[in-house]
Amino acid sequence: MQSSTVVVEGLGSEACSRADERHRETLLDAVRMADVGSLAGKKGTVFAGVGHEYWQNKFGANHATAPGANTSTGMRKAE
């Protein structure tokens, strides 16, 4: 049986401004990927997986008054 590598990567960011017109912005992004290159004998060359991104108050917009200021979406990723 061949072993496979699983990689978890992501980021988290929170930004706020002292100006009253901007709101606290939160971005969370996480991806879990498997080494699919190892299936072809090329370990560590191709990774593929799924993840999720959550963004609140995108670009500092107020989610209460700006449609689309909050987003939450699943994603597929390959590298």
C-alpha atoms as a PDB file:
ATOM      1  CA  MET A   1       0.000   0.000   0.000  1.00  0.00           C
ATOM      2  CA  GLN A   2       1.311   3.420  -0.977  1.00  0.00           C
ATOM      3  CA  SER A   3       1.275   6.199   1.597  1.00  0.00           C
ATOM      4  CA  SER A   4      -0.296   9.517   0.713  1.00  0.00           C
ATOM      5  CA  THR A   5       0.391  12.988   2.058  1.00  0.00           C
ATOM      6  CA  VAL A   6      -2.429  15.260   3.204  1.00  0.00           C
ATOM      7  CA  VAL A   7      -1.748  18.981   3.521  1.00  0.00           C
ATOM      8  CA  VAL A   8      -3.922  21.485   5.391  1.00  0.00           C
ATOM      9  CA  GLU A   9      -3.296  25.141   4.653  1.00  0.00           C
ATOM     10  CA  GLY A  10      -5.148  28.373   5.117  1.00  0.00           C
ATOM     11  CA  LEU A  11      -5.205  31.864   6.445  1.00  0.00           C
ATOM     12  CA  GLY A  12      -7.103  34.060   8.804  1.00  0.00           C
ATOM     13  CA  SER A  13      -7.169  37.823   8.715  1.00  0.00           C
ATOM     14  CA  GLU A  14      -8.978  40.541  10.603  1.00  0.00           C
ATOM     15  CA  ALA A  15      -8.702  44.201   9.682  1.00  0.00           C
ATOM     16  CA  CYS A  16     -10.342  47.292  11.042  1.00  0.00           C
ATOM     17  CA  SER A  17     -10.084  50.986  10.405  1.00  0.00           C
ATOM     18  CA  ARG A  18     -10.289  53.936  12.714  1.00  0.00           C
ATOM     19  CA  ALA A  19     -12.488  55.666  10.160  1.00  0.00           C
ATOM     20  CA  ASP A  20     -16.207  55.413  10.928  1.00  0.00           C
ATOM     21  CA  GLU A  21     -17.153  54.511   7.340  1.00  0.00           C
ATOM     22  CA  ARG A  22     -15.334  51.131   7.391  1.00  0.00           C
ATOM     23  CA  HIS A  23     -16.350  48.056   9.377  1.00  0.00           C
ATOM     24  CA  ARG A  24     -14.243  45.278  10.853  1.00  0.00           C
ATOM     25  CA  GLU A  25     -13.377  42.820   8.077  1.00  0.00           C
ATOM     26  CA  THR A  26     -12.808  39.102   8.728  1.00  0.00           C
ATOM     27  CA  LEU A  27     -11.430  36.608   6.187  1.00  0.00           C
ATOM     28  CA  LEU A  28     -10.992  32.874   6.867  1.00  0.00           C
ATOM     29  CA  ASP A  29      -9.728  30.459   4.202  1.00  0.00           C
ATOM     30  CA  ALA A  30      -8.904  26.775   4.756  1.00  0.00           C
ATOM     31  CA  VAL A  31      -8.031  23.996   2.281  1.00  0.00           C
ATOM     32  CA  ARG A  32      -7.330  20.281   2.770  1.00  0.00           C
ATOM     33  CA  MET A  33      -5.355  18.731  -0.110  1.00  0.00           C
ATOM     34  CA  ALA A  34      -4.044  15.259  -0.910  1.00  0.00           C
ATOM     35  CA  ASP A  35      -0.876  14.399  -2.835  1.00  0.00           C
ATOM     36  CA  VAL A  36      -2.460  13.013  -6.013  1.00  0.00           C
ATOM     37  CA  GLY A  37       0.886  13.050  -7.825  1.00  0.00           C
ATOM     38  CA  SER A  38       1.948  10.084  -5.676  1.00  0.00           C
ATOM     39  CA  LEU A  39      -0.686   7.972  -7.456  1.00  0.00           C
ATOM     40  CA  ALA A  40       1.395   8.348 -10.645  1.00  0.00           C
ATOM     41  CA  GLY A  41       4.714   7.850  -8.875  1.00  0.00           C
ATOM     42  CA  LYS A  42       5.494  11.608  -8.771  1.00  0.00           C
ATOM     43  CA  LYS A  43       5.243  12.288  -5.041  1.00  0.00           C
ATOM     44  CA  GLY A  44       4.961  15.948  -4.044  1.00  0.00           C
ATOM     45  CA  THR A  45       4.252  17.303  -7.548  1.00  0.00           C
ATOM     46  CA  VAL A  46       0.439  17.618  -7.739  1.00  0.00           C
ATOM     47  CA  PHE A  47      -1.978  18.305  -4.887  1.00  0.00           C
ATOM     48  CA  ALA A  48      -5.783  18.523  -5.084  1.00  0.00           C
ATOM     49  CA  GLY A  49      -8.472  19.056  -2.501  1.00  0.00           C
ATOM     50  CA  VAL A  50     -11.406  21.015  -1.135  1.00  0.00           C
ATOM     51  CA  GLY A  51     -11.746  24.022   1.113  1.00  0.00           C
ATOM     52  CA  HIS A  52     -13.966  26.792   2.381  1.00  0.00           C
ATOM     53  CA  GLU A  53     -13.761  30.593   2.431  1.00  0.00           C
ATOM     54  CA  TYR A  54     -15.701  32.927   4.722  1.00  0.00           C
ATOM     55  CA  TRP A  55     -15.473  36.703   4.325  1.00  0.00           C
ATOM     56  CA  GLN A  56     -17.432  39.094   6.571  1.00  0.00           C
ATOM     57  CA  ASN A  57     -17.752  42.796   5.730  1.00  0.00           C
ATOM     58  CA  LYS A  58     -15.837  42.349   2.453  1.00  0.00           C
ATOM     59  CA  PHE A  59     -13.605  45.377   1.708  1.00  0.00           C
ATOM     60  CA  GLY A  60     -14.888  47.020   4.906  1.00  0.00           C
ATOM     61  CA  ALA A  61     -18.484  47.284   3.690  1.00  0.00           C
ATOM     62  CA  ASN A  62     -21.242  47.021   6.293  1.00  0.00           C
ATOM     63  CA  HIS A  63     -22.998  43.672   5.791  1.00  0.00           C
ATOM     64  CA  ALA A  64     -26.205  45.132   7.240  1.00  0.00           C
ATOM     65  CA  THR A  65     -26.538  47.691   4.426  1.00  0.00           C
ATOM     66  CA  ALA A  66     -24.404  46.319   1.548  1.00  0.00           C
ATOM     67  CA  PRO A  67     -25.708  43.168  -0.180  1.00  0.00           C
ATOM     68  CA  GLY A  68     -22.907  40.694  -0.807  1.00  0.00           C
ATOM     69  CA  ALA A  69     -20.616  42.076   1.908  1.00  0.00           C
ATOM     70  CA  ASN A  70     -20.644  38.639   3.567  1.00  0.00           C
ATOM     71  CA  THR A  71     -19.674  35.591   1.509  1.00  0.00           C
ATOM     72  CA  SER A  72     -19.267  31.936   2.347  1.00  0.00           C
ATOM     73  CA  THR A  73     -18.305  29.458  -0.338  1.00  0.00           C
ATOM     74  CA  GLY A  74     -16.829  26.034  -0.842  1.00  0.00           C
ATOM     75  CA  MET A  75     -13.984  25.571  -3.311  1.00  0.00           C
ATOM     76  CA  ARG A  76     -11.910  23.004  -5.151  1.00  0.00           C
ATOM     77  CA  LYS A  77      -8.179  23.617  -5.467  1.00  0.00           C
ATOM     78  CA  ALA A  78      -5.300  22.037  -7.345  1.00  0.00           C
ATOM     79  CA  GLU A  79      -1.650  23.008  -7.398  1.00  0.00           C
END
